[in-house]
Amino acid sequence: MKQIISSIFIMLMLNCKKEKPAPQTSNEIGTLPLKKLEKINLPTEVIQVDVKFVGNPVITNKSIVFRYELNILNNFKVPFTLKSLEIYNLEKTDTPISKLDSTYINRNFDRPGGTTLDDIKFLEGNDFGVLNIELIFPEQSMIPQKIFHKLYFERQKSSGEFASHPMEVAIVEIPELTTLSLGLPFKQKGQWLYETDSHQGARQITEGQVTYPQRFAVDWMLINTDGSFAKGNIKANADWKTYGVEIIAVADGEVVNLKDDIKENEPLSEKMAVRMNKETIGGNYVVLDIGNNTYASYGHLMPNSLKVKIGDRVKKGQVLALLGNSGNSDCPHLHFQLETKSSSFFGGEGVAYTLPKFAELKSYSEEEITGFFKSNMIPSIPAKKKVKTNVFPIGYGLVEIK
């Protein structure tokens, strides 16, 4: 699939009182008290490692998830290869809380601006990479207050032998669990396919600043009761079950940005209706300021379907627009995300939130989702449901909304 929203499924889906989201502790990394980290076994430090932003961990339908990005730069002329990574509780350093091997690094190490690499883990002088990290905790009591990272690098010496260099770096303070709970971004009941995993590494640059606005983005797609995505002509937007669904405000807020004139794509076509750039990638969209430095963004909407204008005050549940297939989208679906305030769409940092209630039917792998779209069908939808409250849906799955 294309990349606003990065994987095949991505593009297949991204109270009387005035209601405001609860304050969050998400923030940029400041100066933290330094622990005496182990010195590198080189005459001087040559690898720069830092974390620019951390958001709140969130309780999901599977576990507690904490997502962030580790920036890594080789500031030396000698090449280094990142072999593995361990993450430790700063107050308990005997056993790592997570071990990330070369397979994980190959899958999650982004090399922005780089050419095709034989080994993505190989960093020459001034080479840069971003390791997208997801820490998973079974329960809240297991979340440490602060963590640090131990990176294992390898370099080839002039003799041809290889030397290993462990480096303890990047102390991070973990915020409290998110307390931000929102309504659903649609009012239509039924069975909804969702996807979240492949959004995390979607990097954006706005006015020279790098952000990850899609860190907790969700793609949503409504399916027919028989498990199919479309009835009739699969190449016609109107024949998809999810097309034209009313999109609603997840909280009280103010409309601060929108677009309403992007042509729609033909479903499952390799050709987009308009050229993709930062102004068109989200298609037709609405952005709400819902308070506490937080924006709610809705992408891929139907052209000329917006019911609001910039400056409008809206209430939770109010209809904003209709779901469509515009922008970098392969078929009708809604892309929804929360991000910190910014000067443009997709310019802030993605933040986590929870949904009040949904019934979980089944989880899937990315490979399974790919197969479903090839056949226009989700087979054998289970009748058994697990009701989830105040959690964020993670991964790929099917839920029922009543």
Protein backbone atom coordinates (compact mmCIF):
# COMPACT_ATOMS: atom_id res chain seq x y z
CA MET A 1 0.00 0.00 0.00
CA LYS A 2 1.06 3.57 -0.14
CA GLN A 3 2.50 5.48 2.70
CA ILE A 4 0.51 8.11 4.67
CA ILE A 5 -0.25 5.54 6.54
CA SER A 6 2.26 2.90 5.65
CA SER A 7 1.33 -0.80 4.87
CA ILE A 8 -1.13 -2.56 2.71
CA PHE A 9 -3.89 -2.37 5.24
CA ILE A 10 -3.10 1.17 6.09
CA MET A 11 -4.38 2.47 2.88
CA LEU A 12 -7.17 0.04 3.10
CA MET A 13 -8.78 1.45 6.00
CA LEU A 14 -5.42 5.91 8.56
CA ASN A 15 -21.88 15.54 29.06
CA CYS A 16 -23.89 18.52 29.17
CA LYS A 17 -20.83 20.30 30.38
CA LYS A 18 -18.25 21.23 27.84
CA GLU A 19 -16.17 18.10 27.35
CA LYS A 20 -12.40 18.35 27.13
CA PRO A 21 -9.73 15.65 27.05
CA ALA A 22 -7.78 15.16 30.23
CA PRO A 23 -4.33 16.76 30.38
CA GLN A 24 -1.40 14.65 29.24
CA THR A 25 2.22 14.53 30.23
CA SER A 26 3.59 13.99 26.71
CA ASN A 27 6.52 16.30 26.09
CA GLU A 28 9.85 16.75 24.43
CA ILE A 29 12.82 15.28 26.22
CA GLY A 30 14.49 17.76 28.55
CA THR A 31 17.63 17.45 30.62
CA LEU A 32 17.35 14.39 32.88
CA PRO A 33 19.53 13.61 35.89
CA LEU A 34 22.38 11.51 34.60
CA LYS A 35 23.22 8.08 35.92
CA LYS A 36 26.83 7.04 35.54
CA LEU A 37 26.39 4.99 32.37
CA GLU A 38 29.10 2.54 31.43
CA LYS A 39 31.85 4.12 29.32
CA ILE A 40 32.41 2.93 25.78
CA ASN A 41 35.55 0.84 25.16
CA LEU A 42 36.92 3.44 22.72
CA PRO A 43 39.09 6.51 23.42
CA THR A 44 36.07 8.78 22.87
CA GLU A 45 32.35 8.52 22.20
CA VAL A 46 31.56 8.45 18.50
CA ILE A 47 27.88 7.48 18.29
CA GLN A 48 25.20 10.08 18.97
CA VAL A 49 21.93 8.63 20.33
CA ASP A 50 18.88 10.51 21.60
CA VAL A 51 15.10 10.50 21.93
CA LYS A 52 13.40 13.76 20.93
CA PHE A 53 9.85 13.10 22.10
CA VAL A 54 7.97 10.69 24.35
CA GLY A 55 4.22 10.38 24.66
CA ASN A 56 2.18 8.58 27.27
CA PRO A 57 2.03 4.78 27.33
CA VAL A 58 -1.44 3.40 26.66
CA ILE A 59 -3.43 0.37 27.77
CA THR A 60 -4.36 -1.61 24.65
CA ASN A 61 -6.55 -4.62 24.01
CA LYS A 62 -3.45 -6.80 24.42
CA SER A 63 -0.99 -5.09 26.79
CA ILE A 64 0.45 -1.71 27.78
CA VAL A 65 2.35 -0.14 24.88
CA PHE A 66 4.99 2.61 24.94
CA ARG A 67 6.18 3.91 21.54
CA TYR A 68 9.04 6.26 20.70
CA GLU A 69 11.90 6.77 18.25
CA LEU A 70 15.64 6.37 18.95
CA ASN A 71 17.79 8.63 16.74
CA ILE A 72 21.24 7.19 15.97
CA LEU A 73 24.13 8.98 14.21
CA ASN A 74 27.66 7.72 13.55
CA ASN A 75 29.76 10.82 14.18
CA PHE A 76 33.02 9.20 13.15
CA LYS A 77 34.78 8.17 9.91
CA VAL A 78 34.93 4.48 10.86
CA PRO A 79 31.83 2.42 9.94
CA PHE A 80 29.84 0.72 12.70
CA THR A 81 27.12 -1.94 12.47
CA LEU A 82 24.29 -1.96 15.01
CA LYS A 83 23.98 -5.62 16.02
CA SER A 84 21.47 -5.55 18.88
CA LEU A 85 19.93 -3.40 21.61
CA GLU A 86 18.97 -3.88 25.24
CA ILE A 87 16.73 -1.58 27.27
CA TYR A 88 17.13 -1.38 31.06
CA ASN A 89 15.30 -0.02 34.05
CA LEU A 90 17.60 2.79 35.25
CA GLU A 91 17.12 1.67 38.85
CA LYS A 92 17.58 -2.05 38.18
CA THR A 93 20.36 -2.82 35.76
CA ASP A 94 20.94 -6.54 36.29
CA THR A 95 18.43 -7.73 33.67
CA PRO A 96 17.17 -5.90 30.56
CA ILE A 97 13.45 -5.27 30.29
CA SER A 98 13.68 -5.76 26.52
CA LYS A 99 16.13 -7.28 24.03
CA LEU A 100 15.93 -6.25 20.39
CA ASP A 101 17.86 -8.46 18.00
CA SER A 102 19.02 -7.95 14.41
CA THR A 103 15.67 -9.18 13.05
CA TYR A 104 13.84 -6.47 14.98
CA ILE A 105 16.36 -3.84 13.88
CA ASN A 106 16.08 -4.87 10.21
CA ARG A 107 12.31 -4.50 10.42
CA ASN A 108 12.19 -1.25 12.42
CA PHE A 109 15.33 0.73 11.54
CA ASP A 110 14.49 3.61 9.20
CA ARG A 111 17.31 5.17 7.17
CA PRO A 112 15.87 8.52 5.99
CA GLY A 113 17.36 9.78 2.76
CA GLY A 114 19.57 6.71 2.39
CA THR A 115 20.11 4.77 -0.81
CA THR A 116 19.55 1.05 -1.18
CA LEU A 117 21.62 -0.70 1.48
CA ASP A 118 22.90 -4.27 1.61
CA ASP A 119 22.74 -4.07 5.41
CA ILE A 120 20.40 -1.43 6.87
CA LYS A 121 22.24 -1.72 10.21
CA PHE A 122 25.57 -0.56 8.68
CA LEU A 123 26.38 3.08 9.52
CA GLU A 124 29.26 4.78 7.74
CA GLY A 125 30.66 8.13 8.86
CA ASN A 126 27.83 10.68 9.34
CA ASP A 127 25.20 8.05 8.52
CA PHE A 128 21.91 8.45 10.39
CA GLY A 129 19.02 6.16 11.28
CA VAL A 130 15.86 6.05 13.39
CA LEU A 131 14.94 2.92 15.33
CA ASN A 132 11.20 2.77 15.97
CA ILE A 133 10.71 1.21 19.38
CA GLU A 134 7.63 -0.34 20.92
CA LEU A 135 7.98 -1.50 24.52
CA ILE A 136 5.31 -3.87 25.80
CA PHE A 137 4.45 -4.25 29.49
CA PRO A 138 1.99 -6.91 30.73
CA GLU A 139 0.85 -4.70 33.62
CA GLN A 140 1.29 -1.18 34.94
CA SER A 141 3.41 -2.21 37.92
CA MET A 142 6.12 -3.39 35.53
CA ILE A 143 6.66 0.05 33.94
CA PRO A 144 9.89 1.66 35.22
CA GLN A 145 10.17 5.37 35.91
CA LYS A 146 13.28 5.74 33.75
CA ILE A 147 15.05 3.60 31.21
CA PHE A 148 18.34 3.65 29.32
CA HIS A 149 19.55 1.91 26.18
CA LYS A 150 22.55 -0.36 25.64
CA LEU A 151 23.47 -0.57 21.97
CA TYR A 152 25.90 -3.18 20.70
CA PHE A 153 27.96 -2.01 17.73
CA GLU A 154 30.54 -3.88 15.73
CA ARG A 155 33.43 -2.48 13.68
CA GLN A 156 36.08 -4.07 11.51
CA LYS A 157 39.65 -3.32 12.57
CA SER A 158 42.54 -2.75 10.18
CA SER A 159 43.64 -6.33 10.87
CA GLY A 160 40.35 -7.58 9.45
CA GLU A 161 39.11 -8.78 12.83
CA PHE A 162 35.85 -7.50 14.29
CA ALA A 163 35.54 -5.67 17.61
CA SER A 164 32.37 -5.26 19.65
CA HIS A 165 31.51 -1.95 21.33
CA PRO A 166 28.59 -1.81 23.80
CA MET A 167 27.33 1.73 24.44
CA GLU A 168 25.03 2.82 27.28
CA VAL A 169 23.08 5.89 26.16
CA ALA A 170 19.77 7.79 26.04
CA ILE A 171 18.10 7.97 29.44
CA VAL A 172 14.33 8.38 29.05
CA GLU A 173 11.72 9.18 31.68
CA ILE A 174 8.46 7.31 31.02
CA PRO A 175 5.29 9.41 31.54
CA GLU A 176 2.17 8.17 33.28
CA LEU A 177 -0.42 6.13 31.40
CA THR A 178 -2.64 8.21 29.17
CA THR A 179 -5.88 9.39 30.74
CA LEU A 180 -7.28 10.71 27.46
CA SER A 181 -10.48 8.92 26.42
CA LEU A 182 -12.41 9.77 23.23
CA GLY A 183 -15.55 8.79 21.41
CA LEU A 184 -15.38 6.85 18.16
CA PRO A 185 -14.85 8.92 14.97
CA PHE A 186 -17.99 7.46 13.33
CA LYS A 187 -21.56 6.68 14.38
CA GLN A 188 -22.26 3.69 12.09
CA LYS A 189 -22.76 0.43 13.99
CA GLY A 190 -21.44 -2.89 12.72
CA GLN A 191 -18.18 -4.74 12.19
CA TRP A 192 -15.11 -2.57 11.65
CA LEU A 193 -11.66 -3.66 10.52
CA TYR A 194 -8.85 -1.58 12.04
CA GLU A 195 -5.06 -1.24 11.69
CA THR A 196 -2.53 0.64 13.78
CA ASP A 197 0.88 -1.04 13.67
CA SER A 198 2.38 0.26 10.43
CA HIS A 199 1.77 3.95 11.16
CA GLN A 200 4.41 4.34 13.85
CA GLY A 201 7.40 5.03 11.62
CA ALA A 202 5.65 7.54 9.31
CA ARG A 203 8.10 10.45 9.52
CA GLN A 204 7.12 14.02 8.60
CA ILE A 205 9.13 17.23 8.31
CA THR A 206 7.31 20.53 8.89
CA GLU A 207 9.19 23.83 8.81
CA GLY A 208 12.42 21.94 9.35
CA GLN A 209 11.16 19.96 12.35
CA VAL A 210 10.81 16.16 12.31
CA THR A 211 7.70 14.67 13.91
CA TYR A 212 5.82 11.37 13.98
CA PRO A 213 2.14 12.41 13.87
CA GLN A 214 0.89 8.92 13.04
CA ARG A 215 2.46 7.19 16.05
CA PHE A 216 -1.01 6.09 17.22
CA ALA A 217 -3.04 6.56 14.03
CA VAL A 218 -5.84 4.12 13.17
CA ASP A 219 -7.32 3.11 9.82
CA TRP A 220 -10.99 2.11 10.02
CA MET A 221 -13.09 0.19 7.46
CA LEU A 222 -16.68 -1.03 7.79
CA ILE A 223 -17.44 -4.46 6.30
CA ASN A 224 -20.61 -6.21 5.18
CA THR A 225 -22.26 -8.81 7.41
CA ASP A 226 -20.98 -11.61 5.17
CA GLY A 227 -17.39 -10.40 5.63
CA SER A 228 -17.02 -8.74 2.22
CA PHE A 229 -15.67 -5.23 1.70
CA ALA A 230 -17.68 -4.40 -1.42
CA LYS A 231 -20.92 -5.57 -3.06
CA GLY A 232 -21.19 -5.34 -6.83
CA ASN A 233 -18.31 -3.58 -8.58
CA ILE A 234 -15.20 -3.64 -6.38
CA LYS A 235 -13.76 -0.85 -8.56
CA ALA A 236 -16.62 1.50 -7.64
CA ASN A 237 -16.27 3.49 -4.42
CA ALA A 238 -20.03 3.55 -3.86
CA ASP A 239 -20.18 -0.27 -3.73
CA TRP A 240 -17.88 -0.43 -0.70
CA LYS A 241 -19.73 -0.82 2.59
CA THR A 242 -17.61 1.82 4.30
CA TYR A 243 -18.08 4.50 1.62
CA GLY A 244 -20.23 7.46 2.67
CA VAL A 245 -20.31 6.63 6.38
CA GLU A 246 -20.84 9.74 8.54
CA ILE A 247 -17.70 10.88 10.36
CA ILE A 248 -18.26 12.58 13.72
CA ALA A 249 -16.44 14.67 16.32
CA VAL A 250 -14.70 12.54 18.95
CA ALA A 251 -14.91 15.42 21.47
CA ASP A 252 -16.05 19.03 21.71
CA GLY A 253 -13.73 21.28 19.76
CA GLU A 254 -13.09 23.87 17.08
CA VAL A 255 -12.46 23.28 13.37
CA VAL A 256 -8.99 24.67 12.67
CA ASN A 257 -8.06 23.14 9.31
CA LEU A 258 -9.76 21.36 6.44
CA LYS A 259 -9.62 20.43 2.77
CA ASP A 260 -12.64 19.55 0.62
CA ASP A 261 -11.68 19.49 -3.08
CA ILE A 262 -9.38 16.49 -3.64
CA LYS A 263 -10.59 14.03 -6.29
CA GLU A 264 -11.18 10.43 -5.23
CA ASN A 265 -9.24 7.40 -6.37
CA GLU A 266 -10.55 4.28 -8.05
CA PRO A 267 -10.45 1.46 -5.47
CA LEU A 268 -7.47 -0.90 -5.64
CA SER A 269 -5.83 1.10 -8.41
CA GLU A 270 -2.10 1.76 -8.62
CA LYS A 271 -2.77 5.23 -9.99
CA MET A 272 -3.77 8.07 -7.69
CA ALA A 273 -6.31 10.68 -8.84
CA VAL A 274 -3.94 13.52 -7.91
CA ARG A 275 -0.22 13.80 -7.44
CA MET A 276 0.87 13.00 -3.89
CA ASN A 277 2.54 15.69 -1.78
CA LYS A 278 2.11 16.93 1.78
CA GLU A 279 -0.97 18.96 0.76
CA THR A 280 -2.75 16.03 -0.93
CA ILE A 281 -1.55 12.94 0.94
CA GLY A 282 -4.36 13.12 3.51
CA GLY A 283 -6.97 13.74 0.82
CA ASN A 284 -9.95 15.71 2.04
CA TYR A 285 -9.65 16.17 5.78
CA VAL A 286 -10.91 17.90 8.92
CA VAL A 287 -8.74 18.89 11.90
CA LEU A 288 -10.31 19.70 15.28
CA ASP A 289 -8.65 21.49 18.17
CA ILE A 290 -10.02 19.50 21.12
CA GLY A 291 -8.07 21.34 23.80
CA ASN A 292 -4.99 20.63 25.91
CA ASN A 293 -2.59 21.04 22.98
CA THR A 294 -4.31 18.24 21.04
CA TYR A 295 -5.65 18.02 17.48
CA ALA A 296 -7.96 15.30 16.11
CA SER A 297 -7.35 14.67 12.40
CA TYR A 298 -9.64 12.81 9.98
CA GLY A 299 -8.27 11.89 6.52
CA HIS A 300 -9.43 10.44 3.13
CA LEU A 301 -12.90 12.03 3.24
CA MET A 302 -15.38 12.31 0.38
CA PRO A 303 -14.96 15.52 -1.67
CA ASN A 304 -17.59 18.23 -1.12
CA SER A 305 -18.98 16.32 1.87
CA LEU A 306 -17.71 18.51 4.71
CA LYS A 307 -20.48 19.85 6.96
CA VAL A 308 -18.27 22.34 8.80
CA LYS A 309 -15.98 25.28 8.10
CA ILE A 310 -12.88 26.69 9.80
CA GLY A 311 -13.81 28.44 13.04
CA ASP A 312 -16.92 26.33 13.72
CA ARG A 313 -17.40 25.07 17.26
CA VAL A 314 -18.57 21.46 17.27
CA LYS A 315 -19.98 19.10 19.89
CA LYS A 316 -18.98 15.50 20.48
CA GLY A 317 -20.96 13.29 18.06
CA GLN A 318 -21.65 16.09 15.55
CA VAL A 319 -21.34 15.05 11.89
CA LEU A 320 -18.26 16.53 10.21
CA ALA A 321 -18.12 14.85 6.78
CA LEU A 322 -18.55 11.57 4.90
CA LEU A 323 -15.97 8.81 4.61
CA GLY A 324 -14.36 8.54 1.17
CA ASN A 325 -11.30 7.48 -0.81
CA SER A 326 -9.22 10.62 -1.42
CA GLY A 327 -5.52 11.28 -1.03
CA ASN A 328 -2.99 8.48 -0.60
CA SER A 329 -5.64 5.81 -0.22
CA ASP A 330 -6.25 2.57 -2.11
CA CYS A 331 -9.89 2.13 -1.14
CA PRO A 332 -12.57 3.76 1.04
CA HIS A 333 -11.44 3.99 4.67
CA LEU A 334 -11.00 6.54 7.45
CA HIS A 335 -7.60 7.56 8.74
CA PHE A 336 -7.85 9.01 12.26
CA GLN A 337 -5.15 10.26 14.61
CA LEU A 338 -4.43 12.56 17.52
CA GLU A 339 -1.39 14.82 17.43
CA THR A 340 0.04 17.76 19.30
CA LYS A 341 -0.67 21.22 17.89
CA SER A 342 1.25 22.24 14.78
CA SER A 343 1.15 24.74 11.95
CA SER A 344 -0.06 22.17 9.41
CA PHE A 345 -1.86 18.87 8.91
CA PHE A 346 0.44 16.00 9.93
CA GLY A 347 2.88 18.38 11.61
CA GLY A 348 2.57 17.45 15.30
CA GLU A 349 3.58 14.50 17.45
CA GLY A 350 1.19 11.56 17.58
CA VAL A 351 -0.30 10.89 21.01
CA ALA A 352 -2.16 7.95 22.49
CA TYR A 353 -5.75 7.76 23.72
CA THR A 354 -8.34 5.12 24.63
CA LEU A 355 -11.83 4.26 23.43
CA PRO A 356 -14.65 3.78 25.95
CA LYS A 357 -16.00 0.44 24.66
CA PHE A 358 -15.92 -2.02 21.77
CA ALA A 359 -16.36 -5.77 21.28
CA GLU A 360 -13.23 -7.48 19.99
CA LEU A 361 -13.90 -10.28 17.50
CA LYS A 362 -10.45 -11.32 16.25
CA SER A 363 -6.85 -10.21 15.71
CA TYR A 364 -4.99 -10.77 12.45
CA SER A 365 -1.50 -10.59 11.02
CA GLU A 366 -0.55 -8.19 8.24
CA GLU A 367 -0.21 -11.18 5.90
CA GLU A 368 -3.77 -12.31 6.67
CA ILE A 369 -5.09 -8.81 5.95
CA THR A 370 -3.32 -8.80 2.59
CA GLY A 371 -5.04 -12.06 1.69
CA PHE A 372 -8.46 -10.74 2.70
CA PHE A 373 -8.23 -7.85 0.28
CA LYS A 374 -7.16 -10.09 -2.57
CA SER A 375 -10.35 -12.11 -2.09
CA ASN A 376 -12.65 -9.22 -1.04
CA MET A 377 -13.62 -11.25 2.00
CA ILE A 378 -12.88 -11.86 5.68
CA PRO A 379 -13.75 -15.55 6.13
CA SER A 380 -15.17 -17.17 9.23
CA ILE A 381 -15.94 -14.14 11.38
CA PRO A 382 -16.17 -15.46 14.96
CA ALA A 383 -19.38 -15.02 16.92
CA LYS A 384 -17.59 -14.97 20.25
CA LYS A 385 -16.75 -11.47 21.46
CA LYS A 386 -14.55 -9.95 24.14
CA VAL A 387 -15.84 -6.62 25.40
CA LYS A 388 -13.02 -4.10 25.91
CA THR A 389 -13.34 -0.85 27.84
CA ASN A 390 -10.99 2.13 28.05
CA VAL A 391 -8.28 0.65 25.83
CA PHE A 392 -6.63 1.47 22.50
CA PRO A 393 -7.02 -1.10 19.67
CA ILE A 394 -3.53 -2.22 18.66
CA GLY A 395 -2.30 -4.21 15.67
CA TYR A 396 -4.72 -5.55 13.04
CA GLY A 397 -8.17 -6.69 14.05
CA LEU A 398 -11.94 -6.79 13.75
CA VAL A 399 -14.29 -5.21 16.28
CA GLU A 400 -18.03 -4.87 16.58
CA ILE A 401 -19.57 -1.53 17.46
CA LYS A 402 -23.12 -1.54 18.88
